[in-house]
Amino acid sequence: WGQIVAVCFVLTGSVLYQFVLGELPCPLCVMQRLSFLLACVGPI
């Protein structure tokens, strides 16, 4: 549960950065986001 909450907060923050501050993620940022999503599969 702690892993899921941590990852969700990180990803929510990165999405807010993108849409609220207008900071577009680079390809490496996108790969990190996808790694975070994959890291949530096990805990779920």
PDB file of all heavy atoms in Angstrom:
ATOM      1  N   TRP A   1       0.839  -1.200   0.000  1.00  0.00           N
ATOM      2  CA  TRP A   1       0.000   0.000   0.000  1.00  0.00           C
ATOM      3  C   TRP A   1       0.879   1.257   0.000  1.00  0.00           C
ATOM      4  O   TRP A   1       0.618   2.211  -0.729  1.00  0.00           O
ATOM      5  CB  TRP A   1      -0.946  -0.011   1.200  1.00  0.00           C
ATOM      6  CG  TRP A   1      -1.879   1.140   1.196  1.00  0.00           C
ATOM      7  CD1 TRP A   1      -1.867   2.210   2.030  1.00  0.00           C
ATOM      8  CD2 TRP A   1      -2.957   1.367   0.297  1.00  0.00           C
ATOM      9  NE1 TRP A   1      -2.867   3.077   1.705  1.00  0.00           N
ATOM     10  CE2 TRP A   1      -3.557   2.581   0.640  1.00  0.00           C
ATOM     11  CE3 TRP A   1      -3.479   0.642  -0.781  1.00  0.00           C
ATOM     12  CZ2 TRP A   1      -4.640   3.112  -0.040  1.00  0.00           C
ATOM     13  CZ3 TRP A   1      -4.565   1.167  -1.450  1.00  0.00           C
ATOM     14  CH2 TRP A   1      -5.134   2.377  -1.085  1.00  0.00           C
ATOM     15  N   GLY A   2       1.933   1.272   0.801  1.00  0.00           N
ATOM     16  CA  GLY A   2       2.839   2.421   0.850  1.00  0.00           C
ATOM     17  C   GLY A   2       3.516   2.665  -0.486  1.00  0.00           C
ATOM     18  O   GLY A   2       3.689   3.819  -0.906  1.00  0.00           O
ATOM     19  N   GLN A   3       3.886   1.595  -1.178  1.00  0.00           N
ATOM     20  CA  GLN A   3       4.504   1.745  -2.495  1.00  0.00           C
ATOM     21  C   GLN A   3       3.535   2.377  -3.483  1.00  0.00           C
ATOM     22  O   GLN A   3       3.903   3.271  -4.255  1.00  0.00           O
ATOM     23  CB  GLN A   3       4.973   0.381  -3.017  1.00  0.00           C
ATOM     24  CG  GLN A   3       6.151  -0.172  -2.263  1.00  0.00           C
ATOM     25  CD  GLN A   3       6.526  -1.560  -2.710  1.00  0.00           C
ATOM     26  OE1 GLN A   3       5.672  -2.356  -3.141  1.00  0.00           O
ATOM     27  NE2 GLN A   3       7.813  -1.888  -2.618  1.00  0.00           N
ATOM     28  N   ILE A   4       2.303   1.920  -3.463  1.00  0.00           N
ATOM     29  CA  ILE A   4       1.306   2.461  -4.383  1.00  0.00           C
ATOM     30  C   ILE A   4       1.072   3.943  -4.115  1.00  0.00           C
ATOM     31  O   ILE A   4       1.053   4.764  -5.040  1.00  0.00           O
ATOM     32  CB  ILE A   4      -0.013   1.666  -4.285  1.00  0.00           C
ATOM     33  CG1 ILE A   4       0.187   0.275  -4.857  1.00  0.00           C
ATOM     34  CG2 ILE A   4      -1.147   2.399  -4.994  1.00  0.00           C
ATOM     35  CD1 ILE A   4      -0.930  -0.681  -4.544  1.00  0.00           C
ATOM     36  N   VAL A   5       0.907   4.301  -2.859  1.00  0.00           N
ATOM     37  CA  VAL A   5       0.657   5.705  -2.510  1.00  0.00           C
ATOM     38  C   VAL A   5       1.848   6.574  -2.917  1.00  0.00           C
ATOM     39  O   VAL A   5       1.678   7.653  -3.503  1.00  0.00           O
ATOM     40  CB  VAL A   5       0.341   5.851  -1.005  1.00  0.00           C
ATOM     41  CG1 VAL A   5       0.340   7.303  -0.574  1.00  0.00           C
ATOM     42  CG2 VAL A   5      -1.002   5.200  -0.688  1.00  0.00           C
ATOM     43  N   ALA A   6       3.063   6.113  -2.646  1.00  0.00           N
ATOM     44  CA  ALA A   6       4.254   6.886  -3.004  1.00  0.00           C
ATOM     45  C   ALA A   6       4.328   7.114  -4.510  1.00  0.00           C
ATOM     46  O   ALA A   6       4.554   8.245  -4.978  1.00  0.00           O
ATOM     47  CB  ALA A   6       5.508   6.175  -2.504  1.00  0.00           C
ATOM     48  N   VAL A   7       4.136   6.064  -5.279  1.00  0.00           N
ATOM     49  CA  VAL A   7       4.212   6.188  -6.734  1.00  0.00           C
ATOM     50  C   VAL A   7       3.092   7.071  -7.270  1.00  0.00           C
ATOM     51  O   VAL A   7       3.315   7.906  -8.150  1.00  0.00           O
ATOM     52  CB  VAL A   7       4.200   4.797  -7.402  1.00  0.00           C
ATOM     53  CG1 VAL A   7       3.997   4.906  -8.904  1.00  0.00           C
ATOM     54  CG2 VAL A   7       5.492   4.059  -7.093  1.00  0.00           C
ATOM     55  N   CYS A   8       1.900   6.918  -6.728  1.00  0.00           N
ATOM     56  CA  CYS A   8       0.787   7.742  -7.193  1.00  0.00           C
ATOM     57  C   CYS A   8       1.023   9.228  -6.918  1.00  0.00           C
ATOM     58  O   CYS A   8       0.711  10.071  -7.747  1.00  0.00           O
ATOM     59  CB  CYS A   8      -0.527   7.284  -6.571  1.00  0.00           C
ATOM     60  SG  CYS A   8      -1.157   5.764  -7.302  1.00  0.00           S
ATOM     61  N   PHE A   9       1.596   9.547  -5.766  1.00  0.00           N
ATOM     62  CA  PHE A   9       1.912  10.946  -5.473  1.00  0.00           C
ATOM     63  C   PHE A   9       2.980  11.479  -6.431  1.00  0.00           C
ATOM     64  O   PHE A   9       2.876  12.606  -6.921  1.00  0.00           O
ATOM     65  CB  PHE A   9       2.339  11.128  -4.020  1.00  0.00           C
ATOM     66  CG  PHE A   9       1.184  11.288  -3.084  1.00  0.00           C
ATOM     67  CD1 PHE A   9       0.965  10.368  -2.078  1.00  0.00           C
ATOM     68  CD2 PHE A   9       0.294  12.354  -3.211  1.00  0.00           C
ATOM     69  CE1 PHE A   9      -0.109  10.502  -1.218  1.00  0.00           C
ATOM     70  CE2 PHE A   9      -0.785  12.494  -2.357  1.00  0.00           C
ATOM     71  CZ  PHE A   9      -0.990  11.575  -1.352  1.00  0.00           C
ATOM     72  N   VAL A  10       3.998  10.677  -6.702  1.00  0.00           N
ATOM     73  CA  VAL A  10       5.054  11.097  -7.626  1.00  0.00           C
ATOM     74  C   VAL A  10       4.470  11.333  -9.021  1.00  0.00           C
ATOM     75  O   VAL A  10       4.731  12.367  -9.658  1.00  0.00           O
ATOM     76  CB  VAL A  10       6.188  10.052  -7.678  1.00  0.00           C
ATOM     77  CG1 VAL A  10       7.128  10.319  -8.840  1.00  0.00           C
ATOM     78  CG2 VAL A  10       6.953  10.036  -6.367  1.00  0.00           C
ATOM     79  N   LEU A  11       3.680  10.378  -9.507  1.00  0.00           N
ATOM     80  CA  LEU A  11       3.114  10.517 -10.848  1.00  0.00           C
ATOM     81  C   LEU A  11       2.094  11.651 -10.925  1.00  0.00           C
ATOM     82  O   LEU A  11       2.037  12.372 -11.921  1.00  0.00           O
ATOM     83  CB  LEU A  11       2.487   9.200 -11.295  1.00  0.00           C
ATOM     84  CG  LEU A  11       3.482   8.087 -11.601  1.00  0.00           C
ATOM     85  CD1 LEU A  11       2.749   6.801 -11.957  1.00  0.00           C
ATOM     86  CD2 LEU A  11       4.428   8.476 -12.706  1.00  0.00           C
ATOM     87  N   THR A  12       1.291  11.819  -9.879  1.00  0.00           N
ATOM     88  CA  THR A  12       0.333  12.919  -9.858  1.00  0.00           C
ATOM     89  C   THR A  12       1.084  14.250  -9.898  1.00  0.00           C
ATOM     90  O   THR A  12       0.706  15.168 -10.640  1.00  0.00           O
ATOM     91  CB  THR A  12      -0.565  12.842  -8.610  1.00  0.00           C
ATOM     92  OG1 THR A  12      -1.264  11.597  -8.627  1.00  0.00           O
ATOM     93  CG2 THR A  12      -1.561  13.983  -8.568  1.00  0.00           C
ATOM     94  N   GLY A  13       2.171  14.351  -9.139  1.00  0.00           N
ATOM     95  CA  GLY A  13       2.985  15.567  -9.158  1.00  0.00           C
ATOM     96  C   GLY A  13       3.583  15.830 -10.525  1.00  0.00           C
ATOM     97  O   GLY A  13       3.594  16.974 -11.003  1.00  0.00           O
ATOM     98  N   SER A  14       4.063  14.781 -11.197  1.00  0.00           N
ATOM     99  CA  SER A  14       4.661  14.980 -12.521  1.00  0.00           C
ATOM    100  C   SER A  14       3.608  15.383 -13.557  1.00  0.00           C
ATOM    101  O   SER A  14       3.874  16.208 -14.426  1.00  0.00           O
ATOM    102  CB  SER A  14       5.404  13.720 -12.970  1.00  0.00           C
ATOM    103  OG  SER A  14       4.523  12.695 -13.355  1.00  0.00           O
ATOM    104  N   VAL A  15       2.415  14.829 -13.433  1.00  0.00           N
ATOM    105  CA  VAL A  15       1.328  15.213 -14.352  1.00  0.00           C
ATOM    106  C   VAL A  15       0.905  16.656 -14.090  1.00  0.00           C
ATOM    107  O   VAL A  15       0.661  17.426 -15.031  1.00  0.00           O
ATOM    108  CB  VAL A  15       0.143  14.226 -14.232  1.00  0.00           C
ATOM    109  CG1 VAL A  15      -1.089  14.741 -14.938  1.00  0.00           C
ATOM    110  CG2 VAL A  15       0.538  12.855 -14.784  1.00  0.00           C
ATOM    111  N   LEU A  16       0.835  17.054 -12.820  1.00  0.00           N
ATOM    112  CA  LEU A  16       0.512  18.446 -12.494  1.00  0.00           C
ATOM    113  C   LEU A  16       1.592  19.385 -13.021  1.00  0.00           C
ATOM    114  O   LEU A  16       1.285  20.468 -13.537  1.00  0.00           O
ATOM    115  CB  LEU A  16       0.335  18.620 -10.987  1.00  0.00           C
ATOM    116  CG  LEU A  16      -0.918  17.996 -10.385  1.00  0.00           C
ATOM    117  CD1 LEU A  16      -0.913  18.121  -8.869  1.00  0.00           C
ATOM    118  CD2 LEU A  16      -2.176  18.622 -10.972  1.00  0.00           C
ATOM    119  N   TYR A  17       2.851  18.992 -12.886  1.00  0.00           N
ATOM    120  CA  TYR A  17       3.946  19.787 -13.449  1.00  0.00           C
ATOM    121  C   TYR A  17       3.735  20.001 -14.939  1.00  0.00           C
ATOM    122  O   TYR A  17       3.961  21.080 -15.464  1.00  0.00           O
ATOM    123  CB  TYR A  17       5.261  19.053 -13.213  1.00  0.00           C
ATOM    124  CG  TYR A  17       6.260  19.798 -12.385  1.00  0.00           C
ATOM    125  CD1 TYR A  17       5.970  20.170 -11.082  1.00  0.00           C
ATOM    126  CD2 TYR A  17       7.499  20.128 -12.897  1.00  0.00           C
ATOM    127  CE1 TYR A  17       6.890  20.835 -10.309  1.00  0.00           C
ATOM    128  CE2 TYR A  17       8.429  20.799 -12.144  1.00  0.00           C
ATOM    129  CZ  TYR A  17       8.120  21.154 -10.850  1.00  0.00           C
ATOM    130  OH  TYR A  17       9.030  21.822 -10.093  1.00  0.00           O
ATOM    131  N   GLN A  18       3.315  18.933 -15.614  1.00  0.00           N
ATOM    132  CA  GLN A  18       3.133  19.013 -17.066  1.00  0.00           C
ATOM    133  C   GLN A  18       1.968  19.915 -17.437  1.00  0.00           C
ATOM    134  O   GLN A  18       2.109  20.776 -18.300  1.00  0.00           O
ATOM    135  CB  GLN A  18       2.911  17.613 -17.640  1.00  0.00           C
ATOM    136  CG  GLN A  18       2.698  17.617 -19.142  1.00  0.00           C
ATOM    137  CD  GLN A  18       2.583  16.217 -19.714  1.00  0.00           C
ATOM    138  OE1 GLN A  18       2.836  15.233 -19.032  1.00  0.00           O
ATOM    139  NE2 GLN A  18       2.199  16.131 -20.968  1.00  0.00           N
ATOM    140  N   PHE A  19       0.830  19.734 -16.801  1.00  0.00           N
ATOM    141  CA  PHE A  19      -0.367  20.440 -17.242  1.00  0.00           C
ATOM    142  C   PHE A  19      -0.577  21.789 -16.557  1.00  0.00           C
ATOM    143  O   PHE A  19      -1.165  22.683 -17.153  1.00  0.00           O
ATOM    144  CB  PHE A  19      -1.598  19.561 -17.069  1.00  0.00           C
ATOM    145  CG  PHE A  19      -1.587  18.371 -17.987  1.00  0.00           C
ATOM    146  CD1 PHE A  19      -1.483  17.091 -17.481  1.00  0.00           C
ATOM    147  CD2 PHE A  19      -1.646  18.527 -19.359  1.00  0.00           C
ATOM    148  CE1 PHE A  19      -1.453  15.990 -18.318  1.00  0.00           C
ATOM    149  CE2 PHE A  19      -1.606  17.439 -20.213  1.00  0.00           C
ATOM    150  CZ  PHE A  19      -1.511  16.162 -19.691  1.00  0.00           C
ATOM    151  N   VAL A  20      -0.105  21.956 -15.335  1.00  0.00           N
ATOM    152  CA  VAL A  20      -0.290  23.229 -14.635  1.00  0.00           C
ATOM    153  C   VAL A  20       0.855  24.191 -14.936  1.00  0.00           C
ATOM    154  O   VAL A  20       0.631  25.363 -15.234  1.00  0.00           O
ATOM    155  CB  VAL A  20      -0.437  23.005 -13.105  1.00  0.00           C
ATOM    156  CG1 VAL A  20      -0.491  24.326 -12.363  1.00  0.00           C
ATOM    157  CG2 VAL A  20      -1.684  22.176 -12.811  1.00  0.00           C
ATOM    158  N   LEU A  21       2.099  23.687 -14.875  1.00  0.00           N
ATOM    159  CA  LEU A  21       3.258  24.546 -15.125  1.00  0.00           C
ATOM    160  C   LEU A  21       3.694  24.551 -16.586  1.00  0.00           C
ATOM    161  O   LEU A  21       4.567  25.329 -16.957  1.00  0.00           O
ATOM    162  CB  LEU A  21       4.428  24.118 -14.235  1.00  0.00           C
ATOM    163  CG  LEU A  21       4.206  24.203 -12.726  1.00  0.00           C
ATOM    164  CD1 LEU A  21       5.426  23.712 -11.977  1.00  0.00           C
ATOM    165  CD2 LEU A  21       3.867  25.633 -12.324  1.00  0.00           C
ATOM    166  N   GLY A  22       3.126  23.659 -17.388  1.00  0.00           N
ATOM    167  CA  GLY A  22       3.477  23.613 -18.807  1.00  0.00           C
ATOM    168  C   GLY A  22       4.851  23.019 -19.078  1.00  0.00           C
ATOM    169  O   GLY A  22       5.435  23.265 -20.123  1.00  0.00           O
ATOM    170  N   GLU A  23       5.375  22.224 -18.149  1.00  0.00           N
ATOM    171  CA  GLU A  23       6.684  21.586 -18.310  1.00  0.00           C
ATOM    172  C   GLU A  23       6.505  20.236 -19.002  1.00  0.00           C
ATOM    173  O   GLU A  23       6.089  19.270 -18.388  1.00  0.00           O
ATOM    174  CB  GLU A  23       7.361  21.387 -16.953  1.00  0.00           C
ATOM    175  CG  GLU A  23       7.777  22.657 -16.280  1.00  0.00           C
ATOM    176  CD  GLU A  23       8.917  23.348 -16.994  1.00  0.00           C
ATOM    177  OE1 GLU A  23       9.789  22.673 -17.579  1.00  0.00           O
ATOM    178  OE2 GLU A  23       8.922  24.592 -16.965  1.00  0.00           O
ATOM    179  N   LEU A  24       6.824  20.184 -20.289  1.00  0.00           N
ATOM    180  CA  LEU A  24       6.672  18.938 -21.033  1.00  0.00           C
ATOM    181  C   LEU A  24       7.789  17.963 -20.669  1.00  0.00           C
ATOM    182  O   LEU A  24       8.948  18.356 -20.584  1.00  0.00           O
ATOM    183  CB  LEU A  24       6.691  19.211 -22.531  1.00  0.00           C
ATOM    184  CG  LEU A  24       5.561  20.092 -23.055  1.00  0.00           C
ATOM    185  CD1 LEU A  24       5.697  20.281 -24.555  1.00  0.00           C
ATOM    186  CD2 LEU A  24       4.218  19.494 -22.718  1.00  0.00           C
ATOM    187  N   PRO A  25       7.464  16.693 -20.440  1.00  0.00           N
ATOM    188  CA  PRO A  25       8.494  15.711 -20.080  1.00  0.00           C
ATOM    189  C   PRO A  25       9.314  15.292 -21.300  1.00  0.00           C
ATOM    190  O   PRO A  25       8.782  15.162 -22.405  1.00  0.00           O
ATOM    191  CB  PRO A  25       7.684  14.540 -19.526  1.00  0.00           C
ATOM    192  CG  PRO A  25       6.371  14.644 -20.213  1.00  0.00           C
ATOM    193  CD  PRO A  25       6.119  16.117 -20.415  1.00  0.00           C
ATOM    194  N   CYS A  26      10.594  15.081 -21.072  1.00  0.00           N
ATOM    195  CA  CYS A  26      11.464  14.591 -22.136  1.00  0.00           C
ATOM    196  C   CYS A  26      11.272  13.074 -22.263  1.00  0.00           C
ATOM    197  O   CYS A  26      10.589  12.460 -21.441  1.00  0.00           O
ATOM    198  CB  CYS A  26      12.919  14.936 -21.807  1.00  0.00           C
ATOM    199  SG  CYS A  26      13.574  14.017 -20.396  1.00  0.00           S
ATOM    200  N   PRO A  27      11.879  12.449 -23.267  1.00  0.00           N
ATOM    201  CA  PRO A  27      11.744  10.987 -23.407  1.00  0.00           C
ATOM    202  C   PRO A  27      12.207  10.209 -22.169  1.00  0.00           C
ATOM    203  O   PRO A  27      11.595   9.211 -21.804  1.00  0.00           O
ATOM    204  CB  PRO A  27      12.619  10.666 -24.622  1.00  0.00           C
ATOM    205  CG  PRO A  27      12.605  11.917 -25.429  1.00  0.00           C
ATOM    206  CD  PRO A  27      12.561  13.040 -24.432  1.00  0.00           C
ATOM    207  N   LEU A  28      13.281  10.667 -21.509  1.00  0.00           N
ATOM    208  CA  LEU A  28      13.737   9.975 -20.304  1.00  0.00           C
ATOM    209  C   LEU A  28      12.713  10.104 -19.181  1.00  0.00           C
ATOM    210  O   LEU A  28      12.502   9.160 -18.410  1.00  0.00           O
ATOM    211  CB  LEU A  28      15.097  10.526 -19.855  1.00  0.00           C
ATOM    212  CG  LEU A  28      16.268  10.238 -20.795  1.00  0.00           C
ATOM    213  CD1 LEU A  28      17.524  10.966 -20.327  1.00  0.00           C
ATOM    214  CD2 LEU A  28      16.522   8.750 -20.909  1.00  0.00           C
ATOM    215  N   CYS A  29      12.065  11.264 -19.086  1.00  0.00           N
ATOM    216  CA  CYS A  29      11.014  11.457 -18.075  1.00  0.00           C
ATOM    217  C   CYS A  29       9.845  10.504 -18.331  1.00  0.00           C
ATOM    218  O   CYS A  29       9.286   9.933 -17.397  1.00  0.00           O
ATOM    219  CB  CYS A  29      10.511  12.900 -18.083  1.00  0.00           C
ATOM    220  SG  CYS A  29      11.758  14.138 -17.693  1.00  0.00           S
ATOM    221  N   VAL A  30       9.487  10.353 -19.595  1.00  0.00           N
ATOM    222  CA  VAL A  30       8.387   9.453 -19.957  1.00  0.00           C
ATOM    223  C   VAL A  30       8.753   8.012 -19.588  1.00  0.00           C
ATOM    224  O   VAL A  30       7.929   7.273 -19.048  1.00  0.00           O
ATOM    225  CB  VAL A  30       8.037   9.581 -21.454  1.00  0.00           C
ATOM    226  CG1 VAL A  30       7.054   8.507 -21.886  1.00  0.00           C
ATOM    227  CG2 VAL A  30       7.471  10.969 -21.749  1.00  0.00           C
ATOM    228  N   MET A  31      10.007   7.625 -19.827  1.00  0.00           N
ATOM    229  CA  MET A  31      10.438   6.268 -19.471  1.00  0.00           C
ATOM    230  C   MET A  31      10.395   6.059 -17.956  1.00  0.00           C
ATOM    231  O   MET A  31      10.034   4.980 -17.489  1.00  0.00           O
ATOM    232  CB  MET A  31      11.838   6.000 -20.028  1.00  0.00           C
ATOM    233  CG  MET A  31      11.860   5.869 -21.542  1.00  0.00           C
ATOM    234  SD  MET A  31      13.506   5.785 -22.266  1.00  0.00           S
ATOM    235  CE  MET A  31      14.191   4.366 -21.482  1.00  0.00           C
ATOM    236  N   GLN A  32      10.728   7.095 -17.198  1.00  0.00           N
ATOM    237  CA  GLN A  32      10.640   6.993 -15.742  1.00  0.00           C
ATOM    238  C   GLN A  32       9.186   6.849 -15.305  1.00  0.00           C
ATOM    239  O   GLN A  32       8.871   6.056 -14.413  1.00  0.00           O
ATOM    240  CB  GLN A  32      11.267   8.224 -15.092  1.00  0.00           C
ATOM    241  CG  GLN A  32      12.769   8.274 -15.244  1.00  0.00           C
ATOM    242  CD  GLN A  32      13.347   9.626 -14.899  1.00  0.00           C
ATOM    243  OE1 GLN A  32      13.149  10.098 -13.787  1.00  0.00           O
ATOM    244  NE2 GLN A  32      14.047  10.236 -15.834  1.00  0.00           N
ATOM    245  N   ARG A  33       8.295   7.590 -15.937  1.00  0.00           N
ATOM    246  CA  ARG A  33       6.866   7.486 -15.609  1.00  0.00           C
ATOM    247  C   ARG A  33       6.356   6.074 -15.878  1.00  0.00           C
ATOM    248  O   ARG A  33       5.624   5.496 -15.073  1.00  0.00           O
ATOM    249  CB  ARG A  33       6.047   8.481 -16.435  1.00  0.00           C
ATOM    250  CG  ARG A  33       6.214   9.917 -16.027  1.00  0.00           C
ATOM    251  CD  ARG A  33       5.406  10.812 -16.946  1.00  0.00           C
ATOM    252  NE  ARG A  33       5.449  12.193 -16.501  1.00  0.00           N
ATOM    253  CZ  ARG A  33       4.697  13.145 -17.034  1.00  0.00           C
ATOM    254  NH1 ARG A  33       3.857  12.877 -18.024  1.00  0.00           N
ATOM    255  NH2 ARG A  33       4.783  14.380 -16.584  1.00  0.00           N
ATOM    256  N   LEU A  34       6.746   5.521 -17.017  1.00  0.00           N
ATOM    257  CA  LEU A  34       6.309   4.165 -17.354  1.00  0.00           C
ATOM    258  C   LEU A  34       6.908   3.135 -16.379  1.00  0.00           C
ATOM    259  O   LEU A  34       6.238   2.166 -16.011  1.00  0.00           O
ATOM    260  CB  LEU A  34       6.676   3.834 -18.796  1.00  0.00           C
ATOM    261  CG  LEU A  34       5.974   4.689 -19.854  1.00  0.00           C
ATOM    262  CD1 LEU A  34       6.481   4.342 -21.251  1.00  0.00           C
ATOM    263  CD2 LEU A  34       4.465   4.560 -19.766  1.00  0.00           C
ATOM    264  N   SER A  35       8.135   3.361 -15.944  1.00  0.00           N
ATOM    265  CA  SER A  35       8.739   2.468 -14.949  1.00  0.00           C
ATOM    266  C   SER A  35       7.984   2.538 -13.631  1.00  0.00           C
ATOM    267  O   SER A  35       7.791   1.520 -12.961  1.00  0.00           O
ATOM    268  CB  SER A  35      10.213   2.839 -14.730  1.00  0.00           C
ATOM    269  OG  SER A  35      10.965   2.605 -15.890  1.00  0.00           O
ATOM    270  N   PHE A  36       7.548   3.739 -13.244  1.00  0.00           N
ATOM    271  CA  PHE A  36       6.752   3.866 -12.017  1.00  0.00           C
ATOM    272  C   PHE A  36       5.430   3.109 -12.153  1.00  0.00           C
ATOM    273  O   PHE A  36       4.997   2.430 -11.210  1.00  0.00           O
ATOM    274  CB  PHE A  36       6.467   5.341 -11.702  1.00  0.00           C
ATOM    275  CG  PHE A  36       7.563   6.035 -10.939  1.00  0.00           C
ATOM    276  CD1 PHE A  36       8.106   7.212 -11.414  1.00  0.00           C
ATOM    277  CD2 PHE A  36       8.026   5.521  -9.745  1.00  0.00           C
ATOM    278  CE1 PHE A  36       9.104   7.868 -10.703  1.00  0.00           C
ATOM    279  CE2 PHE A  36       9.026   6.167  -9.030  1.00  0.00           C
ATOM    280  CZ  PHE A  36       9.566   7.344  -9.517  1.00  0.00           C
ATOM    281  N   LEU A  37       4.791   3.230 -13.310  1.00  0.00           N
ATOM    282  CA  LEU A  37       3.531   2.498 -13.513  1.00  0.00           C
ATOM    283  C   LEU A  37       3.762   0.996 -13.424  1.00  0.00           C
ATOM    284  O   LEU A  37       2.984   0.271 -12.800  1.00  0.00           O
ATOM    285  CB  LEU A  37       2.905   2.873 -14.856  1.00  0.00           C
ATOM    286  CG  LEU A  37       2.323   4.278 -14.947  1.00  0.00           C
ATOM    287  CD1 LEU A  37       1.937   4.607 -16.386  1.00  0.00           C
ATOM    288  CD2 LEU A  37       1.123   4.434 -14.019  1.00  0.00           C
ATOM    289  N   LEU A  38       4.830   0.521 -14.040  1.00  0.00           N
ATOM    290  CA  LEU A  38       5.146  -0.911 -13.992  1.00  0.00           C
ATOM    291  C   LEU A  38       5.481  -1.345 -12.565  1.00  0.00           C
ATOM    292  O   LEU A  38       5.108  -2.446 -12.144  1.00  0.00           O
ATOM    293  CB  LEU A  38       6.311  -1.230 -14.930  1.00  0.00           C
ATOM    294  CG  LEU A  38       6.696  -2.700 -15.060  1.00  0.00           C
ATOM    295  CD1 LEU A  38       5.505  -3.527 -15.547  1.00  0.00           C
ATOM    296  CD2 LEU A  38       7.869  -2.865 -16.000  1.00  0.00           C
ATOM    297  N   ALA A  39       6.143  -0.471 -11.808  1.00  0.00           N
ATOM    298  CA  ALA A  39       6.482  -0.796 -10.423  1.00  0.00           C
ATOM    299  C   ALA A  39       5.234  -0.963  -9.559  1.00  0.00           C
ATOM    300  O   ALA A  39       5.279  -1.635  -8.534  1.00  0.00           O
ATOM    301  CB  ALA A  39       7.393   0.281  -9.835  1.00  0.00           C
ATOM    302  N   CYS A  40       4.114  -0.381  -9.965  1.00  0.00           N
ATOM    303  CA  CYS A  40       2.859  -0.499  -9.200  1.00  0.00           C
ATOM    304  C   CYS A  40       2.128  -1.809  -9.461  1.00  0.00           C
ATOM    305  O   CYS A  40       1.241  -2.175  -8.687  1.00  0.00           O
ATOM    306  CB  CYS A  40       1.923   0.655  -9.546  1.00  0.00           C
ATOM    307  SG  CYS A  40       2.224   2.095  -8.546  1.00  0.00           S
ATOM    308  N   VAL A  41       2.485  -2.509 -10.525  1.00  0.00           N
ATOM    309  CA  VAL A  41       1.771  -3.746 -10.858  1.00  0.00           C
ATOM    310  C   VAL A  41       1.921  -4.779  -9.737  1.00  0.00           C
ATOM    311  O   VAL A  41       0.937  -5.390  -9.314  1.00  0.00           O
ATOM    312  CB  VAL A  41       2.262  -4.317 -12.209  1.00  0.00           C
ATOM    313  CG1 VAL A  41       1.678  -5.697 -12.464  1.00  0.00           C
ATOM    314  CG2 VAL A  41       1.901  -3.363 -13.344  1.00  0.00           C
ATOM    315  N   GLY A  42       3.136  -4.965  -9.235  1.00  0.00           N
ATOM    316  CA  GLY A  42       3.362  -5.940  -8.168  1.00  0.00           C
ATOM    317  C   GLY A  42       2.549  -5.653  -6.915  1.00  0.00           C
ATOM    318  O   GLY A  42       1.810  -6.525  -6.436  1.00  0.00           O
ATOM    319  N   PRO A  43       2.636  -4.425  -6.358  1.00  0.00           N
ATOM    320  CA  PRO A  43       1.842  -4.126  -5.161  1.00  0.00           C
ATOM    321  C   PRO A  43       0.334  -4.256  -5.385  1.00  0.00           C
ATOM    322  O   PRO A  43      -0.378  -4.737  -4.509  1.00  0.00           O
ATOM    323  CB  PRO A  43       2.225  -2.679  -4.830  1.00  0.00           C
ATOM    324  CG  PRO A  43       3.570  -2.492  -5.423  1.00  0.00           C
ATOM    325  CD  PRO A  43       3.598  -3.355  -6.639  1.00  0.00           C
ATOM    326  N   ILE A  44      -0.144  -3.863  -6.550  1.00  0.00           N
ATOM    327  CA  ILE A  44      -1.579  -3.996  -6.837  1.00  0.00           C
ATOM    328  C   ILE A  44      -1.971  -5.472  -6.847  1.00  0.00           C
ATOM    329  O   ILE A  44      -3.007  -5.863  -6.293  1.00  0.00           O
ATOM    330  CB  ILE A  44      -1.957  -3.325  -8.175  1.00  0.00           C
ATOM    331  CG1 ILE A  44      -2.041  -1.819  -7.995  1.00  0.00           C
ATOM    332  CG2 ILE A  44      -3.257  -3.854  -8.741  1.00  0.00           C
ATOM    333  CD1 ILE A  44      -3.215  -1.342  -7.164  1.00  0.00           C
TER     334      ILE A  44
END
